[in-house]
Protein backbone atom coordinates (compact mmCIF):
# COMPACT_ATOMS: atom_id res chain seq x y z
CA MET A 1 -0.24 -0.36 0.02
CA ASN A 2 1.56 3.70 -0.82
CA GLN A 3 1.91 5.71 2.11
CA ILE A 4 0.39 9.09 2.52
CA ALA A 5 2.41 11.72 3.92
CA ASP A 6 0.48 13.43 6.33
CA THR A 7 -0.11 17.20 5.53
CA ALA A 8 -2.87 18.42 8.26
CA ARG A 9 -0.14 20.37 10.25
CA PHE A 10 -0.47 22.20 6.61
CA SER A 11 -3.91 23.20 6.30
CA PRO A 12 -3.91 26.03 8.73
CA LEU A 13 -1.01 28.21 7.14
CA ALA A 14 -2.16 26.96 3.42
CA GLY A 15 -4.58 29.39 2.56
CA GLU A 16 -2.46 32.33 3.91
CA ALA A 17 -1.09 34.32 1.60
CA GLY A 18 2.01 33.62 0.22
CA PHE A 19 3.01 30.94 2.04
CA ASP A 20 4.05 27.79 0.63
CA PRO A 21 4.69 24.18 1.82
CA ILE A 22 7.00 22.88 -0.81
CA GLU A 23 9.35 26.35 0.34
CA ASP A 24 8.64 25.97 3.24
CA ARG A 25 9.97 22.72 4.17
CA LEU A 26 12.47 23.21 1.32
CA ARG A 27 14.17 25.75 3.94
CA ALA A 28 13.65 23.62 7.13
CA ASN A 29 15.71 21.17 5.67
CA VAL A 30 18.38 23.49 4.15
CA ARG A 31 20.29 24.44 7.79
CA ALA A 32 20.58 20.34 8.30
CA THR A 33 22.24 20.21 4.55
CA ILE A 34 25.18 23.24 4.56
CA GLU A 35 26.06 22.05 8.62
CA ALA A 36 26.82 18.58 6.66
CA VAL A 37 28.86 20.17 4.31
CA PHE A 38 30.84 21.73 7.11
CA GLU A 39 31.46 18.26 9.19
CA GLU A 40 31.79 16.27 6.30
CA GLU A 41 34.65 19.46 5.38
CA LEU A 42 35.84 18.87 8.91
CA GLY A 43 36.38 14.97 8.98
CA SER A 44 38.28 14.81 5.66
CA PHE A 45 41.10 17.48 6.77
CA LEU A 46 41.33 15.65 9.74
CA GLY A 47 41.28 12.15 8.90
CA ARG A 48 38.20 11.06 10.65
CA LEU A 49 34.80 11.27 11.69
CA ARG A 50 32.87 12.99 14.36
CA TYR A 51 33.93 10.70 17.31
CA ASP A 52 36.76 8.58 15.24
CA ARG A 53 40.00 8.65 16.59
CA GLY A 54 40.82 7.85 13.59
CA ASP A 55 44.42 5.90 12.12
CA GLY A 56 47.05 7.61 12.22
CA ALA A 57 48.90 11.08 13.47
CA ALA A 58 46.00 13.54 14.20
CA LYS A 59 46.17 16.94 12.00
CA GLY A 60 44.33 18.54 14.94
CA TYR A 61 40.79 18.15 17.75
CA ARG A 62 37.26 19.51 17.49
CA HIS A 63 36.63 22.22 19.75
CA GLY A 64 32.88 23.31 19.89
CA HIS A 65 30.61 25.27 16.85
CA ARG A 66 30.26 28.65 16.54
CA GLU A 67 27.35 30.47 13.94
CA ARG A 68 28.03 31.79 10.92
CA GLN A 69 24.50 33.34 8.64
CA LEU A 70 24.22 32.52 5.13
CA THR A 71 22.13 34.52 2.41
CA GLY A 72 21.79 31.77 -0.26
CA THR A 73 19.05 31.36 -3.02
CA PHE A 74 16.82 29.64 -0.88
CA GLY A 75 16.92 32.92 1.74
CA THR A 76 19.15 33.44 5.05
CA GLU A 77 20.25 30.58 7.90
CA THR A 78 22.00 31.17 11.23
CA ILE A 79 24.04 27.90 10.66
CA ARG A 80 26.40 26.37 13.26
CA VAL A 81 30.04 25.59 12.06
CA PRO A 82 32.35 23.62 13.35
CA ARG A 83 35.65 24.17 15.50
CA ALA A 84 38.81 22.42 14.94
CA ARG A 85 43.07 23.70 16.84
CA ILE A 86 45.73 22.38 14.02
CA GLU A 87 48.92 21.89 14.92
CA ASP A 88 51.55 22.31 12.51
CA ASP A 89 55.02 20.14 12.53
CA ALA A 90 56.64 23.63 14.04
CA GLY A 91 54.13 23.07 17.12
CA LYS A 92 52.25 25.71 16.54
CA VAL A 93 48.49 25.63 16.93
CA THR A 94 45.71 27.71 14.54
CA GLU A 95 42.01 27.53 13.77
CA TRP A 96 40.88 25.53 11.22
CA ARG A 97 38.73 27.63 8.71
CA SER A 98 36.07 26.17 5.77
CA ARG A 99 37.15 26.54 2.34
CA ALA A 100 33.45 26.62 1.04
CA LEU A 101 32.56 29.32 3.08
CA PRO A 102 35.85 31.63 3.77
CA ARG A 103 35.31 33.68 6.70
CA TYR A 104 33.42 37.10 6.12
CA GLN A 105 31.45 36.03 3.60
CA ARG A 106 27.79 36.11 3.69
CA LEU A 107 26.94 35.61 0.66
CA THR A 108 26.89 31.97 -1.24
CA LYS A 109 28.49 32.05 -4.58
CA LYS A 110 25.14 32.34 -6.53
CA ALA A 111 23.19 34.57 -4.60
CA GLU A 112 25.81 36.87 -5.38
CA ALA A 113 26.11 35.77 -9.44
CA LEU A 114 22.18 37.00 -9.06
CA ILE A 115 22.34 40.12 -7.23
CA ALA A 116 25.89 40.91 -9.36
CA ALA A 117 23.14 39.81 -13.07
CA VAL A 118 20.85 42.22 -12.08
CA CYS A 119 23.06 45.36 -10.58
CA LEU A 120 24.16 44.52 -14.33
CA SER A 121 20.85 44.88 -15.65
CA GLU A 122 20.99 48.24 -15.24
CA THR A 123 18.97 48.19 -11.91
CA ASP A 124 19.91 50.92 -8.71
CA THR A 125 20.29 49.61 -5.49
CA ARG A 126 16.25 49.90 -4.38
CA ARG A 127 14.77 48.11 -7.11
CA VAL A 128 17.40 46.03 -6.49
CA LYS A 129 16.00 44.96 -3.22
CA ARG A 130 12.76 44.96 -3.98
CA ALA A 131 13.06 42.68 -6.78
CA LEU A 132 14.65 40.54 -4.76
CA TYR A 133 12.74 41.03 -1.69
CA GLY A 134 10.73 37.40 -1.21
CA LEU A 135 13.79 34.90 -2.26
CA PHE A 136 16.76 36.75 -0.18
CA GLU A 137 13.98 37.87 2.54
CA GLY A 138 14.63 40.92 2.95
CA ALA A 139 18.19 40.73 3.59
CA VAL A 140 20.09 42.17 0.62
CA SER A 141 21.16 45.57 1.12
CA LYS A 142 23.37 48.59 -0.25
CA ASP A 143 26.37 47.12 1.57
CA VAL A 144 25.36 43.50 0.11
CA VAL A 145 24.82 45.54 -3.46
CA SER A 146 28.93 47.22 -3.12
CA ARG A 147 30.13 43.69 -2.03
CA ALA A 148 29.11 42.17 -5.18
CA TRP A 149 30.03 45.15 -6.94
CA ARG A 150 33.26 44.81 -4.92
CA ARG A 151 33.66 40.48 -6.70
CA PHE A 152 32.89 42.48 -9.41
CA LEU A 153 35.71 44.53 -9.73
CA GLU A 154 38.01 42.36 -8.07
CA ASP A 155 37.46 39.81 -11.35
CA LEU A 156 39.11 42.20 -13.46
CA ASP A 157 41.45 42.93 -11.54
CA THR A 158 42.60 39.41 -10.77
CA ARG A 159 42.60 39.46 -15.03
CA GLY A 160 44.82 41.44 -16.17
CA LEU A 161 43.06 45.43 -14.66
CA LYS A 162 45.95 45.81 -12.20
CA ARG A 163 48.28 48.60 -10.82
CA PRO A 164 49.67 50.15 -12.31
CA GLU A 165 49.57 49.84 -16.02
CA PHE A 166 46.76 48.76 -16.56
CA VAL A 167 44.09 51.01 -13.92
CA PRO A 168 41.87 53.28 -15.97
CA GLU A 169 42.39 56.81 -16.38
CA PHE A 170 38.72 57.90 -16.63
CA VAL A 171 35.85 55.82 -15.59
CA ILE A 172 31.47 56.56 -16.80
CA VAL A 173 28.71 55.13 -14.19
CA ASP A 174 25.42 55.85 -14.22
CA GLY A 175 25.84 56.16 -10.57
CA ALA A 176 25.01 53.43 -8.24
CA PRO A 177 26.31 54.32 -5.26
CA GLY A 178 27.23 50.28 -4.31
CA LEU A 179 29.78 50.82 -7.51
CA GLU A 180 31.42 53.94 -6.51
CA ALA A 181 31.95 52.55 -3.37
CA ALA A 182 33.48 49.67 -4.76
CA ARG A 183 35.67 51.15 -7.52
CA VAL A 184 36.68 54.06 -4.21
CA ALA A 185 38.35 50.56 -2.41
CA LEU A 186 39.92 48.97 -5.14
CA TRP A 187 41.36 51.68 -7.92
CA GLY A 188 41.47 54.31 -4.53
CA GLU A 189 39.69 58.61 -4.51
CA ASP A 190 41.99 59.65 -7.48
CA LEU A 191 40.32 57.76 -10.59
CA PRO A 192 38.29 60.52 -12.76
CA ILE A 193 34.51 59.40 -12.33
CA GLN A 194 32.16 60.92 -14.80
CA ARG A 195 28.34 60.70 -13.65
CA CYS A 196 25.68 59.98 -16.30
CA THR A 197 24.29 63.42 -17.97
CA ALA A 198 21.19 61.15 -18.99
CA ARG A 199 20.41 59.32 -15.92
CA LYS A 200 21.12 62.64 -13.35
CA HIS A 201 18.62 63.99 -16.30
CA ARG A 202 16.18 61.23 -15.22
CA ASN A 203 16.62 62.49 -11.86
CA LEU A 204 15.96 66.30 -12.15
CA LEU A 205 12.67 65.59 -13.54
CA ALA A 206 11.26 62.73 -11.08
CA HIS A 207 12.26 65.40 -8.22
CA ALA A 208 10.55 68.19 -10.77
CA PRO A 209 6.52 68.62 -10.67
CA LYS A 210 4.88 68.00 -14.23
CA PRO A 211 3.87 71.03 -15.39
CA MET A 212 7.66 72.09 -14.56
CA GLN A 213 9.67 69.66 -16.36
CA ASP A 214 9.95 70.59 -19.73
CA GLU A 215 11.17 73.64 -17.92
CA VAL A 216 14.46 71.65 -16.53
CA THR A 217 15.14 69.65 -19.39
CA GLU A 218 15.58 73.29 -20.98
CA ASP A 219 17.69 74.27 -18.91
CA ASP A 220 19.55 70.78 -17.79
CA ARG A 221 20.88 70.63 -21.82
CA ASP A 222 22.04 74.63 -22.22
CA MET A 223 24.17 73.36 -19.10
CA ILE A 224 25.39 70.26 -19.94
CA TYR A 225 25.84 71.58 -24.19
CA ALA A 226 27.28 74.08 -23.83
CA ASP A 227 30.27 74.43 -25.78
CA THR A 228 33.31 75.21 -23.44
CA ALA A 229 33.77 74.33 -19.82
CA ALA A 230 33.38 78.45 -18.48
CA GLU A 231 29.86 78.15 -19.74
CA ILE A 232 28.77 75.22 -18.13
CA GLU A 233 29.86 76.72 -14.94
CA THR A 234 27.99 79.35 -15.25
CA ARG A 235 25.28 77.91 -16.78
CA ARG A 236 25.83 75.40 -14.18
CA LYS A 237 25.50 78.87 -11.41
CA ALA A 238 22.01 80.21 -12.75
CA PHE A 239 20.86 76.61 -12.74
CA LEU A 240 21.09 76.29 -8.85
CA ARG A 241 20.28 80.14 -8.01
CA LYS A 242 16.75 79.21 -10.32
CA TRP A 243 15.80 75.86 -9.12
CA ARG A 244 16.71 76.79 -5.32
CA LEU A 245 13.82 79.11 -5.53
CA LYS A 246 11.88 77.24 -7.96
CA CYS A 247 12.24 73.16 -6.11
CA ARG A 248 14.46 72.58 -4.71
CA ALA A 249 14.76 69.52 -4.65
CA VAL A 250 15.69 69.73 -8.18
CA ALA A 251 18.94 71.81 -7.05
CA ASP A 252 19.34 69.89 -5.21
CA SER A 253 19.05 66.82 -7.07
CA LEU A 254 22.18 68.72 -9.21
CA GLU A 255 24.81 69.77 -5.69
CA GLN A 256 23.82 65.97 -4.88
CA ALA A 257 25.94 64.40 -8.22
CA GLY A 258 28.78 67.89 -7.57
CA ASP A 259 31.86 67.13 -9.80
CA ARG A 260 31.15 63.78 -11.09
CA LEU A 261 28.62 65.04 -13.38
CA PHE A 262 31.36 67.83 -15.47
CA ALA A 263 34.31 65.65 -15.27
CA PHE A 264 33.82 65.15 -19.10
CA THR A 265 35.62 68.29 -19.48
CA ARG A 266 38.98 67.07 -18.17
CA LEU A 267 38.86 65.85 -21.46
CA ASP A 268 39.24 66.92 -25.41
CA PRO A 269 36.49 68.59 -26.03
CA SER A 270 36.00 66.05 -28.96
CA GLN A 271 36.07 63.19 -27.12
CA TRP A 272 32.64 65.31 -24.74
CA LYS A 273 30.02 63.61 -26.95
CA SER A 274 30.78 59.76 -25.66
CA ALA A 275 31.63 60.28 -22.37
CA ARG A 276 29.03 62.69 -21.14
CA THR A 277 25.75 59.22 -20.79
CA THR A 278 27.03 56.42 -20.33
CA ASN A 279 24.91 55.34 -23.75
CA ALA A 280 27.49 53.33 -26.40
CA ILE A 281 27.89 50.61 -23.22
CA LYS A 282 24.39 50.64 -22.88
CA ARG A 283 23.64 50.55 -26.79
CA LEU A 284 25.85 47.20 -27.69
CA ASN A 285 24.39 45.64 -24.53
CA GLY A 286 20.71 45.61 -25.57
CA GLU A 287 21.94 44.66 -28.92
CA PHE A 288 23.40 41.72 -27.37
CA ARG A 289 20.97 40.91 -24.55
CA ARG A 290 17.96 41.52 -27.80
CA ARG A 291 19.88 39.03 -30.34
CA ILE A 292 20.01 36.00 -26.86
CA LYS A 293 16.52 36.53 -25.54
CA THR A 294 15.57 33.82 -26.72
CA GLN A 295 18.27 31.79 -25.83
CA THR A 296 18.00 32.57 -22.26
CA VAL A 297 21.01 30.94 -20.74
CA LEU A 298 23.97 30.39 -22.10
CA PRO A 299 25.75 26.93 -22.24
CA CYS A 300 28.78 27.93 -20.57
CA ALA A 301 30.91 31.35 -20.26
CA GLU A 302 33.50 31.35 -23.56
CA THR A 303 29.22 31.24 -25.45
CA VAL A 304 29.68 34.39 -25.02
CA PRO A 305 32.97 35.70 -26.56
CA MET A 306 31.99 33.63 -29.19
CA LEU A 307 28.80 34.66 -30.00
CA LEU A 308 29.08 38.36 -29.94
CA TRP A 309 32.21 38.43 -32.38
CA ALA A 310 30.15 35.84 -34.76
CA LEU A 311 27.08 39.50 -34.46
CA LEU A 312 29.93 41.98 -35.59
CA ALA A 313 31.73 39.12 -37.62
CA SER A 314 28.11 38.85 -39.42
CA GLY A 315 27.21 42.82 -39.45
CA GLN A 316 23.98 42.10 -36.95
CA ILE A 317 25.72 43.99 -34.40
CA GLN A 318 27.54 47.08 -35.54
CA MET A 319 30.76 49.19 -33.89
CA ARG A 320 31.98 52.33 -34.51
CA LYS A 321 34.91 54.71 -33.25
CA VAL A 322 34.30 56.54 -30.29
CA ASP A 323 33.75 60.21 -30.47
CA GLY A 324 37.27 62.00 -30.13
CA TRP A 325 38.88 58.62 -30.38
CA GLU A 326 42.42 60.91 -32.05
CA THR A 327 42.59 62.90 -29.20
CA LEU A 328 42.88 59.98 -26.45
CA SER A 329 46.58 59.88 -25.72
CA GLN A 330 46.49 63.82 -23.91
CA PRO A 331 46.71 63.64 -20.33
CA LEU A 332 42.89 65.10 -17.99
CA ALA A 333 43.23 68.17 -17.72
CA PRO A 334 42.64 69.79 -13.56
CA MET A 335 38.78 70.58 -12.58
CA PRO A 336 37.98 73.55 -14.32
CA LEU A 337 34.70 74.01 -12.68
CA ASP A 338 33.71 75.81 -9.13
CA LEU A 339 31.09 74.22 -7.94
CA ALA A 340 31.39 76.71 -5.22
CA ALA A 341 27.90 77.84 -6.21
């Protein structure tokens, strides 16, 4: 006779909004599974299971557990990680460290990859938190997003983008705080940063009442697309004076970007069109995503450059030279703007 599991204990909760008995049961078993992984890892290192004396000389001795919080695609769990003391040939005693869960790690690799993927899809921190709230049960904070960005930049560093030869000389970003914090941690404060003027324009409109949005757009374009750095500075001060009176939130939003909104003026004027926004790379990414949307998942990482090269070779994606490429070798000029408006 087939045995049917008793689900009576789920029935009072089954009608609750958002409750899923399958997910609830799976997450209940996650903690035991993770803890078993660490026990097996330590047992393999020591050469004997727990309470087993073993045959050879002891590499170390267990001494209790400590609790760690771990966030993965299963949510956030508090787990017990075994501890052990290890003695080397010189008699020095150290603490055993798990390779499966290094020190200070709070996210599984799959969770980090998921958060990074959402960030790279041009989603800001607040939207990341909202989008992943249900999966991570509210555990995605600004610090988590910053760490995901730092892992991304550290990966670039590992693959050759190292100091001092290959550190970027000029970076264009959308203004994500997590990305900027990671950039400072890896490359320092001196690296010139350009905030995307197109994204800032949308921010300005979001702070303006609808009847004033056309006027904000006109003033912003007059400032950003001025012919010289001196004209940009003059129009920026005029923008701030005007909008502090008409709509303080608009002026505050512009001031929040600071000098990073005008870093493009340090370049040769022939490069300004390409350096003001992230549109060039967005267009390339958008065209690439549009052509692989039916596949959803690529079989391996090597497929990405192969597919991109095929699209370029066939002419389905066309790339043009960056405006002002002839003057790219010129050094950056000092910041010309007087930001005290």
